[in-house]
Amino acid sequence: MAVLSWKHHTLIQSLLERGPLTEKEFHFIFTGITGQNPGTHQGKFNDYLLKINRELSYVQLDLRACRDPYDGRVYFGVVNNVSDDQSKLGTKYSVPQIAFFKAIVEAIAQDVTAEGTICNLDALNIKLENQVLNSSGSQSQDVPAAFKNFTMSHKEKTLDQLVKDKWLCYTEDDNIGLGIRSILDLRSWFHNAGVPSCQVCNEAGFKAKLCPNDGCAVRIHHYCLKKRFSQKGMLVCPSCDTQWQYQPPKAEPIEVEDEETEPVQSQPSSNPGPSQPSLRSKRKRQRLDNVETAGCSSQASGANRKRVTRSSAHPR
């Protein structure tokens, strides 16, 4: 077993301390440690990652990179490859909180419209009783008291904590999406749960564009679709030959990190930069508190009608 240098240890520690980092942040740390830019020394960068992963494999950990389907940016993070009873003891979340999180993930993953989000109100109205299953797989009649006592206030606090820890995120339209930690950590779960993959990159397509043909099951991520159109000028569905329509966004998403050229070393680990969108979204939600919830309900009913149409084309 090869011995890692202090440079390898620093890269690992930066990911463990700060959570998943954007490609820009991780490259900045790598350059500061090695004095080499990954853009011009890609081979050196890959060698570092390969050596780190060889050593991490002995403790069932993995350094992964993934692309966030919500903003299209690449992130790096360290994940646990084993989900056993021992590893679960390390979580700070209670059993009801884990069940609540699981229900949100399942709702997003099973949405055949591939919006990749769930309405805030729908998330708060999730019933944890549906997460209680007996050994035969059917719903148990004995609901734990902790589930019954998990109030709306507990759910709201749990949502904010999950967003702060990057397991969930608040989207620009004030809905709830999967955080970068979930995207990194649940890759195998998405596959086992039967979530359709993107036709281009083969990653889970829970947040993607659907083929215009309602009878076709093809999904393509927004950034994959944009890349294909930039290369070919037009695109037809690889399955049914239906022509895809692509309309570029009116404005590119603003990256908060760009305002600070060196956010990685100057930020204390107790107050990571990626938690800032949570505070911004909470202020946004406060402004929306006076808006009638009929908008959310109408969107949900519209999505349900679309689900009925799509469900026949996506048998499970």
C-alpha atoms as a PDB file:
ATOM      1  CA  MET A   1       0.000   0.000   0.000  1.00  0.00           C
ATOM      2  CA  ALA A   2       1.555   3.286  -1.142  1.00  0.00           C
ATOM      3  CA  VAL A   3       2.003   6.067   1.381  1.00  0.00           C
ATOM      4  CA  LEU A   4       0.174   9.303   0.614  1.00  0.00           C
ATOM      5  CA  SER A   5       2.049  12.570   0.954  1.00  0.00           C
ATOM      6  CA  TRP A   6       0.888  15.610   2.880  1.00  0.00           C
ATOM      7  CA  LYS A   7      -0.399  17.020  -0.406  1.00  0.00           C
ATOM      8  CA  HIS A   8      -2.763  14.084  -0.860  1.00  0.00           C
ATOM      9  CA  HIS A   9      -3.853  14.369   2.776  1.00  0.00           C
ATOM     10  CA  THR A  10      -4.632  18.061   2.352  1.00  0.00           C
ATOM     11  CA  LEU A  11      -6.824  17.402  -0.681  1.00  0.00           C
ATOM     12  CA  ILE A  12      -8.736  14.706   1.200  1.00  0.00           C
ATOM     13  CA  GLN A  13      -9.092  16.865   4.299  1.00  0.00           C
ATOM     14  CA  SER A  14     -10.407  19.807   2.286  1.00  0.00           C
ATOM     15  CA  LEU A  15     -13.240  17.655   0.913  1.00  0.00           C
ATOM     16  CA  LEU A  16     -14.039  16.088   4.293  1.00  0.00           C
ATOM     17  CA  GLU A  17     -14.035  19.423   6.127  1.00  0.00           C
ATOM     18  CA  ARG A  18     -15.881  21.596   3.597  1.00  0.00           C
ATOM     19  CA  GLY A  19     -18.116  19.017   1.965  1.00  0.00           C
ATOM     20  CA  PRO A  20     -18.415  18.772  -1.827  1.00  0.00           C
ATOM     21  CA  LEU A  21     -16.493  21.517  -3.622  1.00  0.00           C
ATOM     22  CA  THR A  22     -17.021  22.989  -7.049  1.00  0.00           C
ATOM     23  CA  GLU A  23     -14.465  22.143  -9.698  1.00  0.00           C
ATOM     24  CA  LYS A  24     -13.189  25.717  -9.498  1.00  0.00           C
ATOM     25  CA  GLU A  25     -12.691  25.518  -5.730  1.00  0.00           C
ATOM     26  CA  PHE A  26     -11.054  22.100  -5.837  1.00  0.00           C
ATOM     27  CA  HIS A  27      -8.720  23.141  -8.659  1.00  0.00           C
ATOM     28  CA  PHE A  28      -7.781  26.245  -6.658  1.00  0.00           C
ATOM     29  CA  ILE A  29      -6.765  24.080  -3.684  1.00  0.00           C
ATOM     30  CA  PHE A  30      -4.830  21.700  -5.938  1.00  0.00           C
ATOM     31  CA  THR A  31      -2.936  24.599  -7.513  1.00  0.00           C
ATOM     32  CA  GLY A  32      -2.140  26.066  -4.107  1.00  0.00           C
ATOM     33  CA  ILE A  33      -0.760  22.737  -2.886  1.00  0.00           C
ATOM     34  CA  THR A  34       1.154  21.552  -5.940  1.00  0.00           C
ATOM     35  CA  GLY A  35       1.846  24.817  -7.760  1.00  0.00           C
ATOM     36  CA  GLN A  36       0.364  23.299 -10.933  1.00  0.00           C
ATOM     37  CA  ASN A  37      -2.884  24.173 -12.687  1.00  0.00           C
ATOM     38  CA  PRO A  38      -5.089  21.141 -13.456  1.00  0.00           C
ATOM     39  CA  GLY A  39      -6.069  22.803 -16.714  1.00  0.00           C
ATOM     40  CA  THR A  40      -2.518  22.603 -18.037  1.00  0.00           C
ATOM     41  CA  HIS A  41      -1.413  19.573 -15.996  1.00  0.00           C
ATOM     42  CA  GLN A  42      -4.431  17.305 -16.367  1.00  0.00           C
ATOM     43  CA  GLY A  43      -2.280  14.157 -16.203  1.00  0.00           C
ATOM     44  CA  LYS A  44      -0.770  15.197 -12.881  1.00  0.00           C
ATOM     45  CA  PHE A  45      -4.217  16.009 -11.503  1.00  0.00           C
ATOM     46  CA  ASN A  46      -5.609  12.630 -12.592  1.00  0.00           C
ATOM     47  CA  ASP A  47      -2.631  10.819 -11.049  1.00  0.00           C
ATOM     48  CA  TYR A  48      -3.334  12.478  -7.699  1.00  0.00           C
ATOM     49  CA  LEU A  49      -7.000  11.453  -7.796  1.00  0.00           C
ATOM     50  CA  LEU A  50      -6.155   7.900  -8.827  1.00  0.00           C
ATOM     51  CA  LYS A  51      -3.654   7.473  -5.996  1.00  0.00           C
ATOM     52  CA  ILE A  52      -6.081   8.945  -3.460  1.00  0.00           C
ATOM     53  CA  ASN A  53      -8.885   6.628  -4.579  1.00  0.00           C
ATOM     54  CA  ARG A  54      -6.657   3.562  -4.328  1.00  0.00           C
ATOM     55  CA  GLU A  55      -6.003   4.334  -0.689  1.00  0.00           C
ATOM     56  CA  LEU A  56      -9.556   5.392   0.133  1.00  0.00           C
ATOM     57  CA  SER A  57     -10.866   2.094  -1.227  1.00  0.00           C
ATOM     58  CA  TYR A  58      -9.334   0.299   1.786  1.00  0.00           C
ATOM     59  CA  VAL A  59     -11.776   2.127   4.051  1.00  0.00           C
ATOM     60  CA  GLN A  60     -14.736   1.884   1.631  1.00  0.00           C
ATOM     61  CA  LEU A  61     -14.578   5.538   0.620  1.00  0.00           C
ATOM     62  CA  ASP A  62     -14.459   7.045  -2.851  1.00  0.00           C
ATOM     63  CA  LEU A  63     -13.504  10.438  -4.255  1.00  0.00           C
ATOM     64  CA  ARG A  64     -16.058  11.224  -6.940  1.00  0.00           C
ATOM     65  CA  ALA A  65     -16.847  13.950  -9.406  1.00  0.00           C
ATOM     66  CA  CYS A  66     -20.325  14.653 -10.727  1.00  0.00           C
ATOM     67  CA  ARG A  67     -22.222  17.358 -12.558  1.00  0.00           C
ATOM     68  CA  ASP A  68     -25.081  19.100 -10.771  1.00  0.00           C
ATOM     69  CA  PRO A  69     -28.155  18.821 -13.035  1.00  0.00           C
ATOM     70  CA  TYR A  70     -29.574  22.048 -11.597  1.00  0.00           C
ATOM     71  CA  ASP A  71     -26.695  24.414 -12.413  1.00  0.00           C
ATOM     72  CA  GLY A  72     -24.527  22.260 -14.689  1.00  0.00           C
ATOM     73  CA  ARG A  73     -21.374  22.729 -12.594  1.00  0.00           C
ATOM     74  CA  VAL A  74     -18.930  19.925 -11.737  1.00  0.00           C
ATOM     75  CA  TYR A  75     -18.394  19.058  -8.056  1.00  0.00           C
ATOM     76  CA  PHE A  76     -15.910  16.850  -6.203  1.00  0.00           C
ATOM     77  CA  GLY A  77     -16.647  14.998  -2.966  1.00  0.00           C
ATOM     78  CA  VAL A  78     -15.795  11.976  -0.805  1.00  0.00           C
ATOM     79  CA  VAL A  79     -18.587   9.427  -0.318  1.00  0.00           C
ATOM     80  CA  ASN A  80     -19.107   6.233   1.667  1.00  0.00           C
ATOM     81  CA  ASN A  81     -19.490   3.131  -0.503  1.00  0.00           C
ATOM     82  CA  VAL A  82     -21.089   1.020   2.230  1.00  0.00           C
ATOM     83  CA  SER A  83     -24.521   1.659   3.718  1.00  0.00           C
ATOM     84  CA  ASP A  84     -24.631  -0.665   6.721  1.00  0.00           C
ATOM     85  CA  ASP A  85     -25.891  -0.343  10.280  1.00  0.00           C
ATOM     86  CA  GLN A  86     -22.441   0.687  11.512  1.00  0.00           C
ATOM     87  CA  SER A  87     -22.074   3.555   9.044  1.00  0.00           C
ATOM     88  CA  LYS A  88     -25.590   4.759   9.812  1.00  0.00           C
ATOM     89  CA  LEU A  89     -24.579   5.298  13.431  1.00  0.00           C
ATOM     90  CA  GLY A  90     -22.449   8.221  12.317  1.00  0.00           C
ATOM     91  CA  THR A  91     -25.362  10.350  11.152  1.00  0.00           C
ATOM     92  CA  LYS A  92     -26.597  13.282  13.219  1.00  0.00           C
ATOM     93  CA  TYR A  93     -30.157  12.925  11.910  1.00  0.00           C
ATOM     94  CA  SER A  94     -32.913  11.162  13.830  1.00  0.00           C
ATOM     95  CA  VAL A  95     -34.950   8.261  12.437  1.00  0.00           C
ATOM     96  CA  PRO A  96     -37.959  10.488  11.552  1.00  0.00           C
ATOM     97  CA  GLN A  97     -35.665  12.986   9.850  1.00  0.00           C
ATOM     98  CA  ILE A  98     -34.067  10.238   7.746  1.00  0.00           C
ATOM     99  CA  ALA A  99     -37.504   8.909   6.821  1.00  0.00           C
ATOM    100  CA  PHE A 100     -38.594  12.431   5.847  1.00  0.00           C
ATOM    101  CA  PHE A 101     -35.505  12.883   3.677  1.00  0.00           C
ATOM    102  CA  LYS A 102     -36.015   9.475   2.067  1.00  0.00           C
ATOM    103  CA  ALA A 103     -39.626  10.328   1.207  1.00  0.00           C
ATOM    104  CA  ILE A 104     -38.540  13.574  -0.482  1.00  0.00           C
ATOM    105  CA  VAL A 105     -35.849  11.803  -2.520  1.00  0.00           C
ATOM    106  CA  GLU A 106     -38.305   9.125  -3.630  1.00  0.00           C
ATOM    107  CA  ALA A 107     -40.895  11.725  -4.643  1.00  0.00           C
ATOM    108  CA  ILE A 108     -38.343  13.569  -6.782  1.00  0.00           C
ATOM    109  CA  ALA A 109     -36.867  10.400  -8.289  1.00  0.00           C
ATOM    110  CA  GLN A 110     -40.260   8.919  -9.194  1.00  0.00           C
ATOM    111  CA  ASP A 111     -41.633  12.047 -10.858  1.00  0.00           C
ATOM    112  CA  VAL A 112     -41.976  11.084 -14.533  1.00  0.00           C
ATOM    113  CA  THR A 113     -42.065  14.754 -15.574  1.00  0.00           C
ATOM    114  CA  ALA A 114     -38.348  14.895 -14.653  1.00  0.00           C
ATOM    115  CA  GLU A 115     -38.646  18.341 -13.062  1.00  0.00           C
ATOM    116  CA  GLY A 116     -36.207  17.266 -10.352  1.00  0.00           C
ATOM    117  CA  THR A 117     -38.082  19.150  -7.643  1.00  0.00           C
ATOM    118  CA  ILE A 118     -40.950  18.903  -5.215  1.00  0.00           C
ATOM    119  CA  CYS A 119     -43.154  21.782  -4.122  1.00  0.00           C
ATOM    120  CA  ASN A 120     -42.290  23.083  -0.652  1.00  0.00           C
ATOM    121  CA  LEU A 121     -45.867  22.606   0.492  1.00  0.00           C
ATOM    122  CA  ASP A 122     -46.020  19.052  -0.851  1.00  0.00           C
ATOM    123  CA  ALA A 123     -42.807  18.207   0.993  1.00  0.00           C
ATOM    124  CA  LEU A 124     -44.150  19.531   4.286  1.00  0.00           C
ATOM    125  CA  ASN A 125     -47.345  17.508   3.819  1.00  0.00           C
ATOM    126  CA  ILE A 126     -45.492  14.205   3.396  1.00  0.00           C
ATOM    127  CA  LYS A 127     -46.811  11.569   5.792  1.00  0.00           C
ATOM    128  CA  LEU A 128     -44.071   9.576   7.447  1.00  0.00           C
ATOM    129  CA  GLU A 129     -46.481   6.712   8.022  1.00  0.00           C
ATOM    130  CA  ASN A 130     -45.926   5.758   4.384  1.00  0.00           C
ATOM    131  CA  GLN A 131     -42.261   5.100   5.183  1.00  0.00           C
ATOM    132  CA  VAL A 132     -43.074   2.479   7.819  1.00  0.00           C
ATOM    133  CA  LEU A 133     -42.872  -0.942   6.196  1.00  0.00           C
ATOM    134  CA  ASN A 134     -42.917  -4.373   7.747  1.00  0.00           C
ATOM    135  CA  SER A 135     -40.768  -7.283   6.675  1.00  0.00           C
ATOM    136  CA  SER A 136     -43.207  -8.324   3.937  1.00  0.00           C
ATOM    137  CA  GLY A 137     -42.949  -4.920   2.269  1.00  0.00           C
ATOM    138  CA  SER A 138     -46.493  -3.779   3.058  1.00  0.00           C
ATOM    139  CA  GLN A 139     -47.344  -0.864   5.295  1.00  0.00           C
ATOM    140  CA  SER A 140     -47.201  -1.667   8.977  1.00  0.00           C
ATOM    141  CA  GLN A 141     -50.025  -0.758  11.341  1.00  0.00           C
ATOM    142  CA  ASP A 142     -47.642   0.159  14.163  1.00  0.00           C
ATOM    143  CA  VAL A 143     -46.392   3.680  13.561  1.00  0.00           C
ATOM    144  CA  PRO A 144     -43.553   4.734  15.913  1.00  0.00           C
ATOM    145  CA  ALA A 145     -44.418   7.526  18.313  1.00  0.00           C
ATOM    146  CA  ALA A 146     -41.470   9.539  16.990  1.00  0.00           C
ATOM    147  CA  PHE A 147     -43.134   9.591  13.566  1.00  0.00           C
ATOM    148  CA  LYS A 148     -46.469  10.690  14.993  1.00  0.00           C
ATOM    149  CA  ASN A 149     -44.809  13.487  16.959  1.00  0.00           C
ATOM    150  CA  PHE A 150     -42.843  14.768  13.960  1.00  0.00           C
ATOM    151  CA  THR A 151     -44.686  18.057  13.527  1.00  0.00           C
ATOM    152  CA  MET A 152     -44.754  20.591  10.694  1.00  0.00           C
ATOM    153  CA  SER A 153     -42.256  22.703  12.628  1.00  0.00           C
ATOM    154  CA  HIS A 154     -39.885  19.731  12.825  1.00  0.00           C
ATOM    155  CA  LYS A 155     -40.183  19.255   9.080  1.00  0.00           C
ATOM    156  CA  GLU A 156     -39.383  22.906   8.370  1.00  0.00           C
ATOM    157  CA  LYS A 157     -36.285  22.787  10.585  1.00  0.00           C
ATOM    158  CA  THR A 158     -35.208  19.505   9.011  1.00  0.00           C
ATOM    159  CA  LEU A 159     -35.546  20.959   5.511  1.00  0.00           C
ATOM    160  CA  ASP A 160     -33.328  23.911   6.417  1.00  0.00           C
ATOM    161  CA  GLN A 161     -30.757  21.593   7.990  1.00  0.00           C
ATOM    162  CA  LEU A 162     -30.730  19.258   4.979  1.00  0.00           C
ATOM    163  CA  VAL A 163     -30.199  22.247   2.697  1.00  0.00           C
ATOM    164  CA  LYS A 164     -27.401  23.578   4.901  1.00  0.00           C
ATOM    165  CA  ASP A 165     -25.707  20.163   4.794  1.00  0.00           C
ATOM    166  CA  LYS A 166     -26.180  20.017   0.991  1.00  0.00           C
ATOM    167  CA  TRP A 167     -28.427  16.940   0.994  1.00  0.00           C
ATOM    168  CA  LEU A 168     -31.216  19.084  -0.461  1.00  0.00           C
ATOM    169  CA  CYS A 169     -31.301  22.468  -2.165  1.00  0.00           C
ATOM    170  CA  TYR A 170     -33.727  25.317  -2.782  1.00  0.00           C
ATOM    171  CA  THR A 171     -34.190  26.011  -6.477  1.00  0.00           C
ATOM    172  CA  GLU A 172     -34.708  29.423  -8.073  1.00  0.00           C
ATOM    173  CA  ASP A 173     -38.474  28.836  -8.295  1.00  0.00           C
ATOM    174  CA  ASP A 174     -38.545  28.156  -4.520  1.00  0.00           C
ATOM    175  CA  ASN A 175     -39.035  24.421  -4.856  1.00  0.00           C
ATOM    176  CA  ILE A 176     -36.934  21.715  -3.227  1.00  0.00           C
ATOM    177  CA  GLY A 177     -34.369  19.754  -5.222  1.00  0.00           C
ATOM    178  CA  LEU A 178     -31.638  17.236  -4.459  1.00  0.00           C
ATOM    179  CA  GLY A 179     -28.426  18.648  -3.026  1.00  0.00           C
ATOM    180  CA  ILE A 180     -24.992  17.876  -4.378  1.00  0.00           C
ATOM    181  CA  ARG A 181     -24.300  15.378  -1.577  1.00  0.00           C
ATOM    182  CA  SER A 182     -27.333  13.341  -2.594  1.00  0.00           C
ATOM    183  CA  ILE A 183     -26.275  13.433  -6.237  1.00  0.00           C
ATOM    184  CA  LEU A 184     -22.796  12.183  -5.311  1.00  0.00           C
ATOM    185  CA  ASP A 185     -23.828   9.672  -2.679  1.00  0.00           C
ATOM    186  CA  LEU A 186     -26.991   8.146  -4.181  1.00  0.00           C
ATOM    187  CA  ARG A 187     -25.660   7.215  -7.622  1.00  0.00           C
ATOM    188  CA  SER A 188     -26.156   3.476  -7.065  1.00  0.00           C
ATOM    189  CA  TRP A 189     -29.538   4.068  -5.408  1.00  0.00           C
ATOM    190  CA  PHE A 190     -30.807   5.927  -8.490  1.00  0.00           C
ATOM    191  CA  HIS A 191     -29.789   2.966 -10.628  1.00  0.00           C
ATOM    192  CA  ASN A 192     -31.381   0.379  -8.322  1.00  0.00           C
ATOM    193  CA  ALA A 193     -34.561   2.466  -8.046  1.00  0.00           C
ATOM    194  CA  GLY A 194     -34.982   2.396 -11.819  1.00  0.00           C
ATOM    195  CA  VAL A 195     -34.537   6.131 -12.384  1.00  0.00           C
ATOM    196  CA  PRO A 196     -34.137   6.572 -16.173  1.00  0.00           C
ATOM    197  CA  SER A 197     -30.658   7.646 -17.255  1.00  0.00           C
ATOM    198  CA  CYS A 198     -29.689  10.533 -19.487  1.00  0.00           C
ATOM    199  CA  GLN A 199     -29.271   9.293 -23.040  1.00  0.00           C
ATOM    200  CA  VAL A 200     -26.007  11.239 -23.434  1.00  0.00           C
ATOM    201  CA  CYS A 201     -24.022  10.880 -20.168  1.00  0.00           C
ATOM    202  CA  ASN A 202     -25.799   7.821 -18.699  1.00  0.00           C
ATOM    203  CA  GLU A 203     -26.191   9.491 -15.282  1.00  0.00           C
ATOM    204  CA  ALA A 204     -29.534   9.559 -13.462  1.00  0.00           C
ATOM    205  CA  GLY A 205     -32.023  11.755 -15.322  1.00  0.00           C
ATOM    206  CA  PHE A 206     -34.254  12.826 -12.445  1.00  0.00           C
ATOM    207  CA  LYS A 207     -33.725  16.431 -13.599  1.00  0.00           C
ATOM    208  CA  ALA A 208     -33.781  16.411 -17.394  1.00  0.00           C
ATOM    209  CA  LYS A 209     -35.628  17.289 -20.579  1.00  0.00           C
ATOM    210  CA  LEU A 210     -38.073  14.703 -21.916  1.00  0.00           C
ATOM    211  CA  CYS A 211     -38.392  13.684 -25.516  1.00  0.00           C
ATOM    212  CA  PRO A 212     -41.202  15.725 -27.156  1.00  0.00           C
ATOM    213  CA  ASN A 213     -42.835  12.426 -28.113  1.00  0.00           C
ATOM    214  CA  ASP A 214     -45.028  11.452 -25.146  1.00  0.00           C
ATOM    215  CA  GLY A 215     -44.635   7.790 -26.022  1.00  0.00           C
ATOM    216  CA  CYS A 216     -40.832   7.923 -25.812  1.00  0.00           C
ATOM    217  CA  ALA A 217     -38.870   7.378 -22.597  1.00  0.00           C
ATOM    218  CA  VAL A 218     -35.679   9.218 -23.600  1.00  0.00           C
ATOM    219  CA  ARG A 219     -34.327  11.868 -21.226  1.00  0.00           C
ATOM    220  CA  ILE A 220     -31.399  14.250 -21.719  1.00  0.00           C
ATOM    221  CA  HIS A 221     -29.923  16.631 -19.162  1.00  0.00           C
ATOM    222  CA  HIS A 222     -30.189  20.341 -19.970  1.00  0.00           C
ATOM    223  CA  TYR A 223     -26.416  20.775 -20.223  1.00  0.00           C
ATOM    224  CA  CYS A 224     -26.046  17.602 -22.319  1.00  0.00           C
ATOM    225  CA  LEU A 225     -28.763  18.855 -24.663  1.00  0.00           C
ATOM    226  CA  LYS A 226     -27.087  22.263 -24.910  1.00  0.00           C
ATOM    227  CA  LYS A 227     -23.749  20.628 -25.732  1.00  0.00           C
ATOM    228  CA  ARG A 228     -25.295  18.440 -28.428  1.00  0.00           C
ATOM    229  CA  PHE A 229     -27.021  21.404 -30.068  1.00  0.00           C
ATOM    230  CA  SER A 230     -23.818  23.442 -30.014  1.00  0.00           C
ATOM    231  CA  GLN A 231     -22.052  20.586 -31.817  1.00  0.00           C
ATOM    232  CA  LYS A 232     -24.716  19.624 -34.355  1.00  0.00           C
ATOM    233  CA  GLY A 233     -27.052  22.603 -34.644  1.00  0.00           C
ATOM    234  CA  MET A 234     -30.064  20.293 -34.469  1.00  0.00           C
ATOM    235  CA  LEU A 235     -30.881  17.065 -32.713  1.00  0.00           C
ATOM    236  CA  VAL A 236     -33.307  14.223 -33.217  1.00  0.00           C
ATOM    237  CA  CYS A 237     -34.252  11.704 -30.558  1.00  0.00           C
ATOM    238  CA  PRO A 238     -31.904   8.701 -30.761  1.00  0.00           C
ATOM    239  CA  SER A 239     -34.844   6.403 -30.033  1.00  0.00           C
ATOM    240  CA  CYS A 240     -37.862   7.686 -31.981  1.00  0.00           C
ATOM    241  CA  ASP A 241     -36.257  10.244 -34.390  1.00  0.00           C
ATOM    242  CA  THR A 242     -38.463  13.054 -33.096  1.00  0.00           C
ATOM    243  CA  GLN A 243     -36.812  16.460 -33.572  1.00  0.00           C
ATOM    244  CA  TRP A 244     -35.914  18.191 -30.324  1.00  0.00           C
ATOM    245  CA  GLN A 245     -36.507  21.865 -29.717  1.00  0.00           C
ATOM    246  CA  TYR A 246     -33.874  23.741 -27.730  1.00  0.00           C
ATOM    247  CA  GLN A 247     -34.257  27.264 -26.402  1.00  0.00           C
ATOM    248  CA  PRO A 248     -31.228  28.662 -24.546  1.00  0.00           C
ATOM    249  CA  PRO A 249     -31.898  30.269 -21.152  1.00  0.00           C
ATOM    250  CA  LYS A 250     -32.480  34.023 -21.089  1.00  0.00           C
ATOM    251  CA  ALA A 251     -29.647  34.531 -18.645  1.00  0.00           C
ATOM    252  CA  GLU A 252     -26.885  32.289 -17.421  1.00  0.00           C
ATOM    253  CA  PRO A 253     -26.982  31.445 -13.685  1.00  0.00           C
ATOM    254  CA  ILE A 254     -24.858  33.740 -11.569  1.00  0.00           C
ATOM    255  CA  GLU A 255     -22.095  31.976  -9.653  1.00  0.00           C
ATOM    256  CA  VAL A 256     -21.697  33.499  -6.205  1.00  0.00           C
ATOM    257  CA  GLU A 257     -18.152  32.140  -5.971  1.00  0.00           C
ATOM    258  CA  ASP A 258     -17.033  34.410  -8.826  1.00  0.00           C
ATOM    259  CA  GLU A 259     -17.428  37.435  -6.575  1.00  0.00           C
ATOM    260  CA  GLU A 260     -14.626  36.141  -4.361  1.00  0.00           C
ATOM    261  CA  THR A 261     -11.478  35.079  -6.162  1.00  0.00           C
ATOM    262  CA  GLU A 262     -10.129  33.083  -3.220  1.00  0.00           C
ATOM    263  CA  PRO A 263     -13.105  31.795  -1.204  1.00  0.00           C
ATOM    264  CA  VAL A 264     -11.609  28.451  -0.264  1.00  0.00           C
ATOM    265  CA  GLN A 265      -8.815  29.342   2.112  1.00  0.00           C
ATOM    266  CA  SER A 266     -10.416  32.435   3.621  1.00  0.00           C
ATOM    267  CA  GLN A 267     -13.671  30.776   4.661  1.00  0.00           C
ATOM    268  CA  PRO A 268     -13.881  28.995   8.023  1.00  0.00           C
ATOM    269  CA  SER A 269     -15.216  25.454   7.820  1.00  0.00           C
ATOM    270  CA  SER A 270     -17.989  26.256  10.317  1.00  0.00           C
ATOM    271  CA  ASN A 271     -19.568  28.667   7.834  1.00  0.00           C
ATOM    272  CA  PRO A 272     -19.136  27.191   4.341  1.00  0.00           C
ATOM    273  CA  GLY A 273     -20.015  29.383   1.387  1.00  0.00           C
ATOM    274  CA  PRO A 274     -22.479  26.917  -0.231  1.00  0.00           C
ATOM    275  CA  SER A 275     -24.822  27.344   2.748  1.00  0.00           C
ATOM    276  CA  GLN A 276     -25.569  30.946   1.691  1.00  0.00           C
ATOM    277  CA  PRO A 277     -28.237  29.993  -0.898  1.00  0.00           C
ATOM    278  CA  SER A 278     -30.208  28.470   1.968  1.00  0.00           C
ATOM    279  CA  LEU A 279     -30.469  31.843   3.728  1.00  0.00           C
ATOM    280  CA  ARG A 280     -31.316  33.597   0.489  1.00  0.00           C
ATOM    281  CA  SER A 281     -34.017  31.069  -0.298  1.00  0.00           C
ATOM    282  CA  LYS A 282     -35.461  31.350   3.196  1.00  0.00           C
ATOM    283  CA  ARG A 283     -35.812  35.095   2.721  1.00  0.00           C
ATOM    284  CA  LYS A 284     -37.461  34.392  -0.603  1.00  0.00           C
ATOM    285  CA  ARG A 285     -39.836  31.966   1.017  1.00  0.00           C
ATOM    286  CA  GLN A 286     -40.722  34.561   3.627  1.00  0.00           C
ATOM    287  CA  ARG A 287     -41.721  36.947   0.863  1.00  0.00           C
ATOM    288  CA  LEU A 288     -43.900  34.242  -0.609  1.00  0.00           C
ATOM    289  CA  ASP A 289     -45.625  33.411   2.667  1.00  0.00           C
ATOM    290  CA  ASN A 290     -48.507  35.740   1.820  1.00  0.00           C
ATOM    291  CA  VAL A 291     -49.034  34.227  -1.597  1.00  0.00           C
ATOM    292  CA  GLU A 292     -51.997  31.877  -1.787  1.00  0.00           C
ATOM    293  CA  THR A 293     -51.051  28.190  -1.923  1.00  0.00           C
ATOM    294  CA  ALA A 294     -53.418  27.643  -4.829  1.00  0.00           C
ATOM    295  CA  GLY A 295     -50.504  28.191  -7.199  1.00  0.00           C
ATOM    296  CA  CYS A 296     -48.632  25.244  -5.753  1.00  0.00           C
ATOM    297  CA  SER A 297     -51.757  23.099  -5.766  1.00  0.00           C
ATOM    298  CA  SER A 298     -52.527  23.922  -9.368  1.00  0.00           C
ATOM    299  CA  GLN A 299     -48.980  23.074 -10.378  1.00  0.00           C
ATOM    300  CA  ALA A 300     -49.216  19.811  -8.539  1.00  0.00           C
ATOM    301  CA  SER A 301     -52.499  18.904 -10.196  1.00  0.00           C
ATOM    302  CA  GLY A 302     -51.081  19.804 -13.586  1.00  0.00           C
ATOM    303  CA  ALA A 303     -48.063  17.635 -12.893  1.00  0.00           C
ATOM    304  CA  ASN A 304     -50.337  14.783 -11.852  1.00  0.00           C
ATOM    305  CA  ARG A 305     -52.228  15.001 -15.134  1.00  0.00           C
ATOM    306  CA  LYS A 306     -48.937  14.855 -16.970  1.00  0.00           C
ATOM    307  CA  ARG A 307     -47.799  11.949 -14.837  1.00  0.00           C
ATOM    308  CA  VAL A 308     -50.852   9.955 -15.902  1.00  0.00           C
ATOM    309  CA  THR A 309     -49.935  10.554 -19.532  1.00  0.00           C
ATOM    310  CA  ARG A 310     -46.279   9.726 -19.043  1.00  0.00           C
ATOM    311  CA  SER A 311     -46.776   6.818 -16.682  1.00  0.00           C
ATOM    312  CA  SER A 312     -48.162   4.629 -19.405  1.00  0.00           C
ATOM    313  CA  ALA A 313     -45.001   5.187 -21.390  1.00  0.00           C
ATOM    314  CA  HIS A 314     -42.689   4.490 -18.444  1.00  0.00           C
ATOM    315  CA  PRO A 315     -43.644   1.114 -16.975  1.00  0.00           C
ATOM    316  CA  ARG A 316     -41.778   0.080 -13.838  1.00  0.00           C
END
